[in-house]
Amino acid sequence: SGTRKISKIYRALVTGILVDDKVII
């Protein structure tokens, strides 16, 4: 639907090992 004016990107250390390289929640 178009380019968003602002992107919000965080980095976090989480417990456990994520299997998938990318996940959409």
PDBML (XML) file of the C-alpha atoms, coordinates in Angstrom:
<?xml version="1.0" encoding="UTF-8" ?>
<PDBx:datablock datablockName="MODEL"
   xmlns:PDBx="http://pdbml.pdb.org/schema/pdbx-v50.xsd"
   xmlns:xsi="http://www.w3.org/2001/XMLSchema-instance"
   xsi:schemaLocation="http://pdbml.pdb.org/schema/pdbx-v50.xsd pdbx-v50.xsd">
   <PDBx:atom_siteCategory>
      <PDBx:atom_site id="1">
         <PDBx:B_iso_or_equiv>0.00</PDBx:B_iso_or_equiv>
         <PDBx:Cartn_x>0.000</PDBx:Cartn_x>
         <PDBx:Cartn_y>0.000</PDBx:Cartn_y>
         <PDBx:Cartn_z>0.000</PDBx:Cartn_z>
         <PDBx:auth_asym_id>A</PDBx:auth_asym_id>
         <PDBx:auth_atom_id>CA</PDBx:auth_atom_id>
         <PDBx:auth_comp_id>SER</PDBx:auth_comp_id>
         <PDBx:auth_seq_id>1</PDBx:auth_seq_id>
         <PDBx:group_PDB>ATOM</PDBx:group_PDB>
         <PDBx:label_alt_id xsi:nil="true" />
         <PDBx:label_asym_id>A</PDBx:label_asym_id>
         <PDBx:label_atom_id>CA</PDBx:label_atom_id>
         <PDBx:label_comp_id>SER</PDBx:label_comp_id>
         <PDBx:label_entity_id>1</PDBx:label_entity_id>
         <PDBx:label_seq_id>1</PDBx:label_seq_id>
         <PDBx:occupancy>1.00</PDBx:occupancy>
         <PDBx:pdbx_PDB_model_num>1</PDBx:pdbx_PDB_model_num>
         <PDBx:type_symbol>C</PDBx:type_symbol>
      </PDBx:atom_site>
      <PDBx:atom_site id="2">
         <PDBx:B_iso_or_equiv>0.00</PDBx:B_iso_or_equiv>
         <PDBx:Cartn_x>2.953</PDBx:Cartn_x>
         <PDBx:Cartn_y>2.344</PDBx:Cartn_y>
         <PDBx:Cartn_z>-0.298</PDBx:Cartn_z>
         <PDBx:auth_asym_id>A</PDBx:auth_asym_id>
         <PDBx:auth_atom_id>CA</PDBx:auth_atom_id>
         <PDBx:auth_comp_id>GLY</PDBx:auth_comp_id>
         <PDBx:auth_seq_id>2</PDBx:auth_seq_id>
         <PDBx:group_PDB>ATOM</PDBx:group_PDB>
         <PDBx:label_alt_id xsi:nil="true" />
         <PDBx:label_asym_id>A</PDBx:label_asym_id>
         <PDBx:label_atom_id>CA</PDBx:label_atom_id>
         <PDBx:label_comp_id>GLY</PDBx:label_comp_id>
         <PDBx:label_entity_id>1</PDBx:label_entity_id>
         <PDBx:label_seq_id>2</PDBx:label_seq_id>
         <PDBx:occupancy>1.00</PDBx:occupancy>
         <PDBx:pdbx_PDB_model_num>1</PDBx:pdbx_PDB_model_num>
         <PDBx:type_symbol>C</PDBx:type_symbol>
      </PDBx:atom_site>
      <PDBx:atom_site id="3">
         <PDBx:B_iso_or_equiv>0.00</PDBx:B_iso_or_equiv>
         <PDBx:Cartn_x>6.132</PDBx:Cartn_x>
         <PDBx:Cartn_y>3.339</PDBx:Cartn_y>
         <PDBx:Cartn_z>1.487</PDBx:Cartn_z>
         <PDBx:auth_asym_id>A</PDBx:auth_asym_id>
         <PDBx:auth_atom_id>CA</PDBx:auth_atom_id>
         <PDBx:auth_comp_id>THR</PDBx:auth_comp_id>
         <PDBx:auth_seq_id>3</PDBx:auth_seq_id>
         <PDBx:group_PDB>ATOM</PDBx:group_PDB>
         <PDBx:label_alt_id xsi:nil="true" />
         <PDBx:label_asym_id>A</PDBx:label_asym_id>
         <PDBx:label_atom_id>CA</PDBx:label_atom_id>
         <PDBx:label_comp_id>THR</PDBx:label_comp_id>
         <PDBx:label_entity_id>1</PDBx:label_entity_id>
         <PDBx:label_seq_id>3</PDBx:label_seq_id>
         <PDBx:occupancy>1.00</PDBx:occupancy>
         <PDBx:pdbx_PDB_model_num>1</PDBx:pdbx_PDB_model_num>
         <PDBx:type_symbol>C</PDBx:type_symbol>
      </PDBx:atom_site>
      <PDBx:atom_site id="4">
         <PDBx:B_iso_or_equiv>0.00</PDBx:B_iso_or_equiv>
         <PDBx:Cartn_x>5.782</PDBx:Cartn_x>
         <PDBx:Cartn_y>4.027</PDBx:Cartn_y>
         <PDBx:Cartn_z>5.175</PDBx:Cartn_z>
         <PDBx:auth_asym_id>A</PDBx:auth_asym_id>
         <PDBx:auth_atom_id>CA</PDBx:auth_atom_id>
         <PDBx:auth_comp_id>ARG</PDBx:auth_comp_id>
         <PDBx:auth_seq_id>4</PDBx:auth_seq_id>
         <PDBx:group_PDB>ATOM</PDBx:group_PDB>
         <PDBx:label_alt_id xsi:nil="true" />
         <PDBx:label_asym_id>A</PDBx:label_asym_id>
         <PDBx:label_atom_id>CA</PDBx:label_atom_id>
         <PDBx:label_comp_id>ARG</PDBx:label_comp_id>
         <PDBx:label_entity_id>1</PDBx:label_entity_id>
         <PDBx:label_seq_id>4</PDBx:label_seq_id>
         <PDBx:occupancy>1.00</PDBx:occupancy>
         <PDBx:pdbx_PDB_model_num>1</PDBx:pdbx_PDB_model_num>
         <PDBx:type_symbol>C</PDBx:type_symbol>
      </PDBx:atom_site>
      <PDBx:atom_site id="5">
         <PDBx:B_iso_or_equiv>0.00</PDBx:B_iso_or_equiv>
         <PDBx:Cartn_x>7.288</PDBx:Cartn_x>
         <PDBx:Cartn_y>7.312</PDBx:Cartn_y>
         <PDBx:Cartn_z>6.307</PDBx:Cartn_z>
         <PDBx:auth_asym_id>A</PDBx:auth_asym_id>
         <PDBx:auth_atom_id>CA</PDBx:auth_atom_id>
         <PDBx:auth_comp_id>LYS</PDBx:auth_comp_id>
         <PDBx:auth_seq_id>5</PDBx:auth_seq_id>
         <PDBx:group_PDB>ATOM</PDBx:group_PDB>
         <PDBx:label_alt_id xsi:nil="true" />
         <PDBx:label_asym_id>A</PDBx:label_asym_id>
         <PDBx:label_atom_id>CA</PDBx:label_atom_id>
         <PDBx:label_comp_id>LYS</PDBx:label_comp_id>
         <PDBx:label_entity_id>1</PDBx:label_entity_id>
         <PDBx:label_seq_id>5</PDBx:label_seq_id>
         <PDBx:occupancy>1.00</PDBx:occupancy>
         <PDBx:pdbx_PDB_model_num>1</PDBx:pdbx_PDB_model_num>
         <PDBx:type_symbol>C</PDBx:type_symbol>
      </PDBx:atom_site>
      <PDBx:atom_site id="6">
         <PDBx:B_iso_or_equiv>0.00</PDBx:B_iso_or_equiv>
         <PDBx:Cartn_x>8.918</PDBx:Cartn_x>
         <PDBx:Cartn_y>5.822</PDBx:Cartn_y>
         <PDBx:Cartn_z>9.402</PDBx:Cartn_z>
         <PDBx:auth_asym_id>A</PDBx:auth_asym_id>
         <PDBx:auth_atom_id>CA</PDBx:auth_atom_id>
         <PDBx:auth_comp_id>ILE</PDBx:auth_comp_id>
         <PDBx:auth_seq_id>6</PDBx:auth_seq_id>
         <PDBx:group_PDB>ATOM</PDBx:group_PDB>
         <PDBx:label_alt_id xsi:nil="true" />
         <PDBx:label_asym_id>A</PDBx:label_asym_id>
         <PDBx:label_atom_id>CA</PDBx:label_atom_id>
         <PDBx:label_comp_id>ILE</PDBx:label_comp_id>
         <PDBx:label_entity_id>1</PDBx:label_entity_id>
         <PDBx:label_seq_id>6</PDBx:label_seq_id>
         <PDBx:occupancy>1.00</PDBx:occupancy>
         <PDBx:pdbx_PDB_model_num>1</PDBx:pdbx_PDB_model_num>
         <PDBx:type_symbol>C</PDBx:type_symbol>
      </PDBx:atom_site>
      <PDBx:atom_site id="7">
         <PDBx:B_iso_or_equiv>0.00</PDBx:B_iso_or_equiv>
         <PDBx:Cartn_x>10.288</PDBx:Cartn_x>
         <PDBx:Cartn_y>2.349</PDBx:Cartn_y>
         <PDBx:Cartn_z>10.044</PDBx:Cartn_z>
         <PDBx:auth_asym_id>A</PDBx:auth_asym_id>
         <PDBx:auth_atom_id>CA</PDBx:auth_atom_id>
         <PDBx:auth_comp_id>SER</PDBx:auth_comp_id>
         <PDBx:auth_seq_id>7</PDBx:auth_seq_id>
         <PDBx:group_PDB>ATOM</PDBx:group_PDB>
         <PDBx:label_alt_id xsi:nil="true" />
         <PDBx:label_asym_id>A</PDBx:label_asym_id>
         <PDBx:label_atom_id>CA</PDBx:label_atom_id>
         <PDBx:label_comp_id>SER</PDBx:label_comp_id>
         <PDBx:label_entity_id>1</PDBx:label_entity_id>
         <PDBx:label_seq_id>7</PDBx:label_seq_id>
         <PDBx:occupancy>1.00</PDBx:occupancy>
         <PDBx:pdbx_PDB_model_num>1</PDBx:pdbx_PDB_model_num>
         <PDBx:type_symbol>C</PDBx:type_symbol>
      </PDBx:atom_site>
      <PDBx:atom_site id="8">
         <PDBx:B_iso_or_equiv>0.00</PDBx:B_iso_or_equiv>
         <PDBx:Cartn_x>10.660</PDBx:Cartn_x>
         <PDBx:Cartn_y>1.024</PDBx:Cartn_y>
         <PDBx:Cartn_z>13.586</PDBx:Cartn_z>
         <PDBx:auth_asym_id>A</PDBx:auth_asym_id>
         <PDBx:auth_atom_id>CA</PDBx:auth_atom_id>
         <PDBx:auth_comp_id>LYS</PDBx:auth_comp_id>
         <PDBx:auth_seq_id>8</PDBx:auth_seq_id>
         <PDBx:group_PDB>ATOM</PDBx:group_PDB>
         <PDBx:label_alt_id xsi:nil="true" />
         <PDBx:label_asym_id>A</PDBx:label_asym_id>
         <PDBx:label_atom_id>CA</PDBx:label_atom_id>
         <PDBx:label_comp_id>LYS</PDBx:label_comp_id>
         <PDBx:label_entity_id>1</PDBx:label_entity_id>
         <PDBx:label_seq_id>8</PDBx:label_seq_id>
         <PDBx:occupancy>1.00</PDBx:occupancy>
         <PDBx:pdbx_PDB_model_num>1</PDBx:pdbx_PDB_model_num>
         <PDBx:type_symbol>C</PDBx:type_symbol>
      </PDBx:atom_site>
      <PDBx:atom_site id="9">
         <PDBx:B_iso_or_equiv>0.00</PDBx:B_iso_or_equiv>
         <PDBx:Cartn_x>13.340</PDBx:Cartn_x>
         <PDBx:Cartn_y>-1.650</PDBx:Cartn_y>
         <PDBx:Cartn_z>13.892</PDBx:Cartn_z>
         <PDBx:auth_asym_id>A</PDBx:auth_asym_id>
         <PDBx:auth_atom_id>CA</PDBx:auth_atom_id>
         <PDBx:auth_comp_id>ILE</PDBx:auth_comp_id>
         <PDBx:auth_seq_id>9</PDBx:auth_seq_id>
         <PDBx:group_PDB>ATOM</PDBx:group_PDB>
         <PDBx:label_alt_id xsi:nil="true" />
         <PDBx:label_asym_id>A</PDBx:label_asym_id>
         <PDBx:label_atom_id>CA</PDBx:label_atom_id>
         <PDBx:label_comp_id>ILE</PDBx:label_comp_id>
         <PDBx:label_entity_id>1</PDBx:label_entity_id>
         <PDBx:label_seq_id>9</PDBx:label_seq_id>
         <PDBx:occupancy>1.00</PDBx:occupancy>
         <PDBx:pdbx_PDB_model_num>1</PDBx:pdbx_PDB_model_num>
         <PDBx:type_symbol>C</PDBx:type_symbol>
      </PDBx:atom_site>
      <PDBx:atom_site id="10">
         <PDBx:B_iso_or_equiv>0.00</PDBx:B_iso_or_equiv>
         <PDBx:Cartn_x>14.576</PDBx:Cartn_x>
         <PDBx:Cartn_y>-3.203</PDBx:Cartn_y>
         <PDBx:Cartn_z>17.119</PDBx:Cartn_z>
         <PDBx:auth_asym_id>A</PDBx:auth_asym_id>
         <PDBx:auth_atom_id>CA</PDBx:auth_atom_id>
         <PDBx:auth_comp_id>TYR</PDBx:auth_comp_id>
         <PDBx:auth_seq_id>10</PDBx:auth_seq_id>
         <PDBx:group_PDB>ATOM</PDBx:group_PDB>
         <PDBx:label_alt_id xsi:nil="true" />
         <PDBx:label_asym_id>A</PDBx:label_asym_id>
         <PDBx:label_atom_id>CA</PDBx:label_atom_id>
         <PDBx:label_comp_id>TYR</PDBx:label_comp_id>
         <PDBx:label_entity_id>1</PDBx:label_entity_id>
         <PDBx:label_seq_id>10</PDBx:label_seq_id>
         <PDBx:occupancy>1.00</PDBx:occupancy>
         <PDBx:pdbx_PDB_model_num>1</PDBx:pdbx_PDB_model_num>
         <PDBx:type_symbol>C</PDBx:type_symbol>
      </PDBx:atom_site>
      <PDBx:atom_site id="11">
         <PDBx:B_iso_or_equiv>0.00</PDBx:B_iso_or_equiv>
         <PDBx:Cartn_x>17.200</PDBx:Cartn_x>
         <PDBx:Cartn_y>-5.763</PDBx:Cartn_y>
         <PDBx:Cartn_z>18.077</PDBx:Cartn_z>
         <PDBx:auth_asym_id>A</PDBx:auth_asym_id>
         <PDBx:auth_atom_id>CA</PDBx:auth_atom_id>
         <PDBx:auth_comp_id>ARG</PDBx:auth_comp_id>
         <PDBx:auth_seq_id>11</PDBx:auth_seq_id>
         <PDBx:group_PDB>ATOM</PDBx:group_PDB>
         <PDBx:label_alt_id xsi:nil="true" />
         <PDBx:label_asym_id>A</PDBx:label_asym_id>
         <PDBx:label_atom_id>CA</PDBx:label_atom_id>
         <PDBx:label_comp_id>ARG</PDBx:label_comp_id>
         <PDBx:label_entity_id>1</PDBx:label_entity_id>
         <PDBx:label_seq_id>11</PDBx:label_seq_id>
         <PDBx:occupancy>1.00</PDBx:occupancy>
         <PDBx:pdbx_PDB_model_num>1</PDBx:pdbx_PDB_model_num>
         <PDBx:type_symbol>C</PDBx:type_symbol>
      </PDBx:atom_site>
      <PDBx:atom_site id="12">
         <PDBx:B_iso_or_equiv>0.00</PDBx:B_iso_or_equiv>
         <PDBx:Cartn_x>16.545</PDBx:Cartn_x>
         <PDBx:Cartn_y>-8.111</PDBx:Cartn_y>
         <PDBx:Cartn_z>20.962</PDBx:Cartn_z>
         <PDBx:auth_asym_id>A</PDBx:auth_asym_id>
         <PDBx:auth_atom_id>CA</PDBx:auth_atom_id>
         <PDBx:auth_comp_id>ALA</PDBx:auth_comp_id>
         <PDBx:auth_seq_id>12</PDBx:auth_seq_id>
         <PDBx:group_PDB>ATOM</PDBx:group_PDB>
         <PDBx:label_alt_id xsi:nil="true" />
         <PDBx:label_asym_id>A</PDBx:label_asym_id>
         <PDBx:label_atom_id>CA</PDBx:label_atom_id>
         <PDBx:label_comp_id>ALA</PDBx:label_comp_id>
         <PDBx:label_entity_id>1</PDBx:label_entity_id>
         <PDBx:label_seq_id>12</PDBx:label_seq_id>
         <PDBx:occupancy>1.00</PDBx:occupancy>
         <PDBx:pdbx_PDB_model_num>1</PDBx:pdbx_PDB_model_num>
         <PDBx:type_symbol>C</PDBx:type_symbol>
      </PDBx:atom_site>
      <PDBx:atom_site id="13">
         <PDBx:B_iso_or_equiv>0.00</PDBx:B_iso_or_equiv>
         <PDBx:Cartn_x>18.124</PDBx:Cartn_x>
         <PDBx:Cartn_y>-11.138</PDBx:Cartn_y>
         <PDBx:Cartn_z>22.588</PDBx:Cartn_z>
         <PDBx:auth_asym_id>A</PDBx:auth_asym_id>
         <PDBx:auth_atom_id>CA</PDBx:auth_atom_id>
         <PDBx:auth_comp_id>LEU</PDBx:auth_comp_id>
         <PDBx:auth_seq_id>13</PDBx:auth_seq_id>
         <PDBx:group_PDB>ATOM</PDBx:group_PDB>
         <PDBx:label_alt_id xsi:nil="true" />
         <PDBx:label_asym_id>A</PDBx:label_asym_id>
         <PDBx:label_atom_id>CA</PDBx:label_atom_id>
         <PDBx:label_comp_id>LEU</PDBx:label_comp_id>
         <PDBx:label_entity_id>1</PDBx:label_entity_id>
         <PDBx:label_seq_id>13</PDBx:label_seq_id>
         <PDBx:occupancy>1.00</PDBx:occupancy>
         <PDBx:pdbx_PDB_model_num>1</PDBx:pdbx_PDB_model_num>
         <PDBx:type_symbol>C</PDBx:type_symbol>
      </PDBx:atom_site>
      <PDBx:atom_site id="14">
         <PDBx:B_iso_or_equiv>0.00</PDBx:B_iso_or_equiv>
         <PDBx:Cartn_x>15.514</PDBx:Cartn_x>
         <PDBx:Cartn_y>-13.834</PDBx:Cartn_y>
         <PDBx:Cartn_z>23.183</PDBx:Cartn_z>
         <PDBx:auth_asym_id>A</PDBx:auth_asym_id>
         <PDBx:auth_atom_id>CA</PDBx:auth_atom_id>
         <PDBx:auth_comp_id>VAL</PDBx:auth_comp_id>
         <PDBx:auth_seq_id>14</PDBx:auth_seq_id>
         <PDBx:group_PDB>ATOM</PDBx:group_PDB>
         <PDBx:label_alt_id xsi:nil="true" />
         <PDBx:label_asym_id>A</PDBx:label_asym_id>
         <PDBx:label_atom_id>CA</PDBx:label_atom_id>
         <PDBx:label_comp_id>VAL</PDBx:label_comp_id>
         <PDBx:label_entity_id>1</PDBx:label_entity_id>
         <PDBx:label_seq_id>14</PDBx:label_seq_id>
         <PDBx:occupancy>1.00</PDBx:occupancy>
         <PDBx:pdbx_PDB_model_num>1</PDBx:pdbx_PDB_model_num>
         <PDBx:type_symbol>C</PDBx:type_symbol>
      </PDBx:atom_site>
      <PDBx:atom_site id="15">
         <PDBx:B_iso_or_equiv>0.00</PDBx:B_iso_or_equiv>
         <PDBx:Cartn_x>15.477</PDBx:Cartn_x>
         <PDBx:Cartn_y>-17.142</PDBx:Cartn_y>
         <PDBx:Cartn_z>25.003</PDBx:Cartn_z>
         <PDBx:auth_asym_id>A</PDBx:auth_asym_id>
         <PDBx:auth_atom_id>CA</PDBx:auth_atom_id>
         <PDBx:auth_comp_id>THR</PDBx:auth_comp_id>
         <PDBx:auth_seq_id>15</PDBx:auth_seq_id>
         <PDBx:group_PDB>ATOM</PDBx:group_PDB>
         <PDBx:label_alt_id xsi:nil="true" />
         <PDBx:label_asym_id>A</PDBx:label_asym_id>
         <PDBx:label_atom_id>CA</PDBx:label_atom_id>
         <PDBx:label_comp_id>THR</PDBx:label_comp_id>
         <PDBx:label_entity_id>1</PDBx:label_entity_id>
         <PDBx:label_seq_id>15</PDBx:label_seq_id>
         <PDBx:occupancy>1.00</PDBx:occupancy>
         <PDBx:pdbx_PDB_model_num>1</PDBx:pdbx_PDB_model_num>
         <PDBx:type_symbol>C</PDBx:type_symbol>
      </PDBx:atom_site>
      <PDBx:atom_site id="16">
         <PDBx:B_iso_or_equiv>0.00</PDBx:B_iso_or_equiv>
         <PDBx:Cartn_x>15.706</PDBx:Cartn_x>
         <PDBx:Cartn_y>-20.329</PDBx:Cartn_y>
         <PDBx:Cartn_z>22.978</PDBx:Cartn_z>
         <PDBx:auth_asym_id>A</PDBx:auth_asym_id>
         <PDBx:auth_atom_id>CA</PDBx:auth_atom_id>
         <PDBx:auth_comp_id>GLY</PDBx:auth_comp_id>
         <PDBx:auth_seq_id>16</PDBx:auth_seq_id>
         <PDBx:group_PDB>ATOM</PDBx:group_PDB>
         <PDBx:label_alt_id xsi:nil="true" />
         <PDBx:label_asym_id>A</PDBx:label_asym_id>
         <PDBx:label_atom_id>CA</PDBx:label_atom_id>
         <PDBx:label_comp_id>GLY</PDBx:label_comp_id>
         <PDBx:label_entity_id>1</PDBx:label_entity_id>
         <PDBx:label_seq_id>16</PDBx:label_seq_id>
         <PDBx:occupancy>1.00</PDBx:occupancy>
         <PDBx:pdbx_PDB_model_num>1</PDBx:pdbx_PDB_model_num>
         <PDBx:type_symbol>C</PDBx:type_symbol>
      </PDBx:atom_site>
      <PDBx:atom_site id="17">
         <PDBx:B_iso_or_equiv>0.00</PDBx:B_iso_or_equiv>
         <PDBx:Cartn_x>16.716</PDBx:Cartn_x>
         <PDBx:Cartn_y>-21.000</PDBx:Cartn_y>
         <PDBx:Cartn_z>19.385</PDBx:Cartn_z>
         <PDBx:auth_asym_id>A</PDBx:auth_asym_id>
         <PDBx:auth_atom_id>CA</PDBx:auth_atom_id>
         <PDBx:auth_comp_id>ILE</PDBx:auth_comp_id>
         <PDBx:auth_seq_id>17</PDBx:auth_seq_id>
         <PDBx:group_PDB>ATOM</PDBx:group_PDB>
         <PDBx:label_alt_id xsi:nil="true" />
         <PDBx:label_asym_id>A</PDBx:label_asym_id>
         <PDBx:label_atom_id>CA</PDBx:label_atom_id>
         <PDBx:label_comp_id>ILE</PDBx:label_comp_id>
         <PDBx:label_entity_id>1</PDBx:label_entity_id>
         <PDBx:label_seq_id>17</PDBx:label_seq_id>
         <PDBx:occupancy>1.00</PDBx:occupancy>
         <PDBx:pdbx_PDB_model_num>1</PDBx:pdbx_PDB_model_num>
         <PDBx:type_symbol>C</PDBx:type_symbol>
      </PDBx:atom_site>
      <PDBx:atom_site id="18">
         <PDBx:B_iso_or_equiv>0.00</PDBx:B_iso_or_equiv>
         <PDBx:Cartn_x>14.406</PDBx:Cartn_x>
         <PDBx:Cartn_y>-19.810</PDBx:Cartn_y>
         <PDBx:Cartn_z>16.605</PDBx:Cartn_z>
         <PDBx:auth_asym_id>A</PDBx:auth_asym_id>
         <PDBx:auth_atom_id>CA</PDBx:auth_atom_id>
         <PDBx:auth_comp_id>LEU</PDBx:auth_comp_id>
         <PDBx:auth_seq_id>18</PDBx:auth_seq_id>
         <PDBx:group_PDB>ATOM</PDBx:group_PDB>
         <PDBx:label_alt_id xsi:nil="true" />
         <PDBx:label_asym_id>A</PDBx:label_asym_id>
         <PDBx:label_atom_id>CA</PDBx:label_atom_id>
         <PDBx:label_comp_id>LEU</PDBx:label_comp_id>
         <PDBx:label_entity_id>1</PDBx:label_entity_id>
         <PDBx:label_seq_id>18</PDBx:label_seq_id>
         <PDBx:occupancy>1.00</PDBx:occupancy>
         <PDBx:pdbx_PDB_model_num>1</PDBx:pdbx_PDB_model_num>
         <PDBx:type_symbol>C</PDBx:type_symbol>
      </PDBx:atom_site>
      <PDBx:atom_site id="19">
         <PDBx:B_iso_or_equiv>0.00</PDBx:B_iso_or_equiv>
         <PDBx:Cartn_x>14.220</PDBx:Cartn_x>
         <PDBx:Cartn_y>-22.453</PDBx:Cartn_y>
         <PDBx:Cartn_z>13.891</PDBx:Cartn_z>
         <PDBx:auth_asym_id>A</PDBx:auth_asym_id>
         <PDBx:auth_atom_id>CA</PDBx:auth_atom_id>
         <PDBx:auth_comp_id>VAL</PDBx:auth_comp_id>
         <PDBx:auth_seq_id>19</PDBx:auth_seq_id>
         <PDBx:group_PDB>ATOM</PDBx:group_PDB>
         <PDBx:label_alt_id xsi:nil="true" />
         <PDBx:label_asym_id>A</PDBx:label_asym_id>
         <PDBx:label_atom_id>CA</PDBx:label_atom_id>
         <PDBx:label_comp_id>VAL</PDBx:label_comp_id>
         <PDBx:label_entity_id>1</PDBx:label_entity_id>
         <PDBx:label_seq_id>19</PDBx:label_seq_id>
         <PDBx:occupancy>1.00</PDBx:occupancy>
         <PDBx:pdbx_PDB_model_num>1</PDBx:pdbx_PDB_model_num>
         <PDBx:type_symbol>C</PDBx:type_symbol>
      </PDBx:atom_site>
      <PDBx:atom_site id="20">
         <PDBx:B_iso_or_equiv>0.00</PDBx:B_iso_or_equiv>
         <PDBx:Cartn_x>12.945</PDBx:Cartn_x>
         <PDBx:Cartn_y>-20.257</PDBx:Cartn_y>
         <PDBx:Cartn_z>11.055</PDBx:Cartn_z>
         <PDBx:auth_asym_id>A</PDBx:auth_asym_id>
         <PDBx:auth_atom_id>CA</PDBx:auth_atom_id>
         <PDBx:auth_comp_id>ASP</PDBx:auth_comp_id>
         <PDBx:auth_seq_id>20</PDBx:auth_seq_id>
         <PDBx:group_PDB>ATOM</PDBx:group_PDB>
         <PDBx:label_alt_id xsi:nil="true" />
         <PDBx:label_asym_id>A</PDBx:label_asym_id>
         <PDBx:label_atom_id>CA</PDBx:label_atom_id>
         <PDBx:label_comp_id>ASP</PDBx:label_comp_id>
         <PDBx:label_entity_id>1</PDBx:label_entity_id>
         <PDBx:label_seq_id>20</PDBx:label_seq_id>
         <PDBx:occupancy>1.00</PDBx:occupancy>
         <PDBx:pdbx_PDB_model_num>1</PDBx:pdbx_PDB_model_num>
         <PDBx:type_symbol>C</PDBx:type_symbol>
      </PDBx:atom_site>
      <PDBx:atom_site id="21">
         <PDBx:B_iso_or_equiv>0.00</PDBx:B_iso_or_equiv>
         <PDBx:Cartn_x>15.111</PDBx:Cartn_x>
         <PDBx:Cartn_y>-17.425</PDBx:Cartn_y>
         <PDBx:Cartn_z>9.742</PDBx:Cartn_z>
         <PDBx:auth_asym_id>A</PDBx:auth_asym_id>
         <PDBx:auth_atom_id>CA</PDBx:auth_atom_id>
         <PDBx:auth_comp_id>ASP</PDBx:auth_comp_id>
         <PDBx:auth_seq_id>21</PDBx:auth_seq_id>
         <PDBx:group_PDB>ATOM</PDBx:group_PDB>
         <PDBx:label_alt_id xsi:nil="true" />
         <PDBx:label_asym_id>A</PDBx:label_asym_id>
         <PDBx:label_atom_id>CA</PDBx:label_atom_id>
         <PDBx:label_comp_id>ASP</PDBx:label_comp_id>
         <PDBx:label_entity_id>1</PDBx:label_entity_id>
         <PDBx:label_seq_id>21</PDBx:label_seq_id>
         <PDBx:occupancy>1.00</PDBx:occupancy>
         <PDBx:pdbx_PDB_model_num>1</PDBx:pdbx_PDB_model_num>
         <PDBx:type_symbol>C</PDBx:type_symbol>
      </PDBx:atom_site>
      <PDBx:atom_site id="22">
         <PDBx:B_iso_or_equiv>0.00</PDBx:B_iso_or_equiv>
         <PDBx:Cartn_x>12.080</PDBx:Cartn_x>
         <PDBx:Cartn_y>-15.167</PDBx:Cartn_y>
         <PDBx:Cartn_z>9.362</PDBx:Cartn_z>
         <PDBx:auth_asym_id>A</PDBx:auth_asym_id>
         <PDBx:auth_atom_id>CA</PDBx:auth_atom_id>
         <PDBx:auth_comp_id>LYS</PDBx:auth_comp_id>
         <PDBx:auth_seq_id>22</PDBx:auth_seq_id>
         <PDBx:group_PDB>ATOM</PDBx:group_PDB>
         <PDBx:label_alt_id xsi:nil="true" />
         <PDBx:label_asym_id>A</PDBx:label_asym_id>
         <PDBx:label_atom_id>CA</PDBx:label_atom_id>
         <PDBx:label_comp_id>LYS</PDBx:label_comp_id>
         <PDBx:label_entity_id>1</PDBx:label_entity_id>
         <PDBx:label_seq_id>22</PDBx:label_seq_id>
         <PDBx:occupancy>1.00</PDBx:occupancy>
         <PDBx:pdbx_PDB_model_num>1</PDBx:pdbx_PDB_model_num>
         <PDBx:type_symbol>C</PDBx:type_symbol>
      </PDBx:atom_site>
      <PDBx:atom_site id="23">
         <PDBx:B_iso_or_equiv>0.00</PDBx:B_iso_or_equiv>
         <PDBx:Cartn_x>8.779</PDBx:Cartn_x>
         <PDBx:Cartn_y>-15.112</PDBx:Cartn_y>
         <PDBx:Cartn_z>11.236</PDBx:Cartn_z>
         <PDBx:auth_asym_id>A</PDBx:auth_asym_id>
         <PDBx:auth_atom_id>CA</PDBx:auth_atom_id>
         <PDBx:auth_comp_id>VAL</PDBx:auth_comp_id>
         <PDBx:auth_seq_id>23</PDBx:auth_seq_id>
         <PDBx:group_PDB>ATOM</PDBx:group_PDB>
         <PDBx:label_alt_id xsi:nil="true" />
         <PDBx:label_asym_id>A</PDBx:label_asym_id>
         <PDBx:label_atom_id>CA</PDBx:label_atom_id>
         <PDBx:label_comp_id>VAL</PDBx:label_comp_id>
         <PDBx:label_entity_id>1</PDBx:label_entity_id>
         <PDBx:label_seq_id>23</PDBx:label_seq_id>
         <PDBx:occupancy>1.00</PDBx:occupancy>
         <PDBx:pdbx_PDB_model_num>1</PDBx:pdbx_PDB_model_num>
         <PDBx:type_symbol>C</PDBx:type_symbol>
      </PDBx:atom_site>
      <PDBx:atom_site id="24">
         <PDBx:B_iso_or_equiv>0.00</PDBx:B_iso_or_equiv>
         <PDBx:Cartn_x>5.751</PDBx:Cartn_x>
         <PDBx:Cartn_y>-12.868</PDBx:Cartn_y>
         <PDBx:Cartn_z>10.760</PDBx:Cartn_z>
         <PDBx:auth_asym_id>A</PDBx:auth_asym_id>
         <PDBx:auth_atom_id>CA</PDBx:auth_atom_id>
         <PDBx:auth_comp_id>ILE</PDBx:auth_comp_id>
         <PDBx:auth_seq_id>24</PDBx:auth_seq_id>
         <PDBx:group_PDB>ATOM</PDBx:group_PDB>
         <PDBx:label_alt_id xsi:nil="true" />
         <PDBx:label_asym_id>A</PDBx:label_asym_id>
         <PDBx:label_atom_id>CA</PDBx:label_atom_id>
         <PDBx:label_comp_id>ILE</PDBx:label_comp_id>
         <PDBx:label_entity_id>1</PDBx:label_entity_id>
         <PDBx:label_seq_id>24</PDBx:label_seq_id>
         <PDBx:occupancy>1.00</PDBx:occupancy>
         <PDBx:pdbx_PDB_model_num>1</PDBx:pdbx_PDB_model_num>
         <PDBx:type_symbol>C</PDBx:type_symbol>
      </PDBx:atom_site>
      <PDBx:atom_site id="25">
         <PDBx:B_iso_or_equiv>0.00</PDBx:B_iso_or_equiv>
         <PDBx:Cartn_x>3.568</PDBx:Cartn_x>
         <PDBx:Cartn_y>-12.413</PDBx:Cartn_y>
         <PDBx:Cartn_z>13.842</PDBx:Cartn_z>
         <PDBx:auth_asym_id>A</PDBx:auth_asym_id>
         <PDBx:auth_atom_id>CA</PDBx:auth_atom_id>
         <PDBx:auth_comp_id>ILE</PDBx:auth_comp_id>
         <PDBx:auth_seq_id>25</PDBx:auth_seq_id>
         <PDBx:group_PDB>ATOM</PDBx:group_PDB>
         <PDBx:label_alt_id xsi:nil="true" />
         <PDBx:label_asym_id>A</PDBx:label_asym_id>
         <PDBx:label_atom_id>CA</PDBx:label_atom_id>
         <PDBx:label_comp_id>ILE</PDBx:label_comp_id>
         <PDBx:label_entity_id>1</PDBx:label_entity_id>
         <PDBx:label_seq_id>25</PDBx:label_seq_id>
         <PDBx:occupancy>1.00</PDBx:occupancy>
         <PDBx:pdbx_PDB_model_num>1</PDBx:pdbx_PDB_model_num>
         <PDBx:type_symbol>C</PDBx:type_symbol>
      </PDBx:atom_site>
   </PDBx:atom_siteCategory>
</PDBx:datablock>
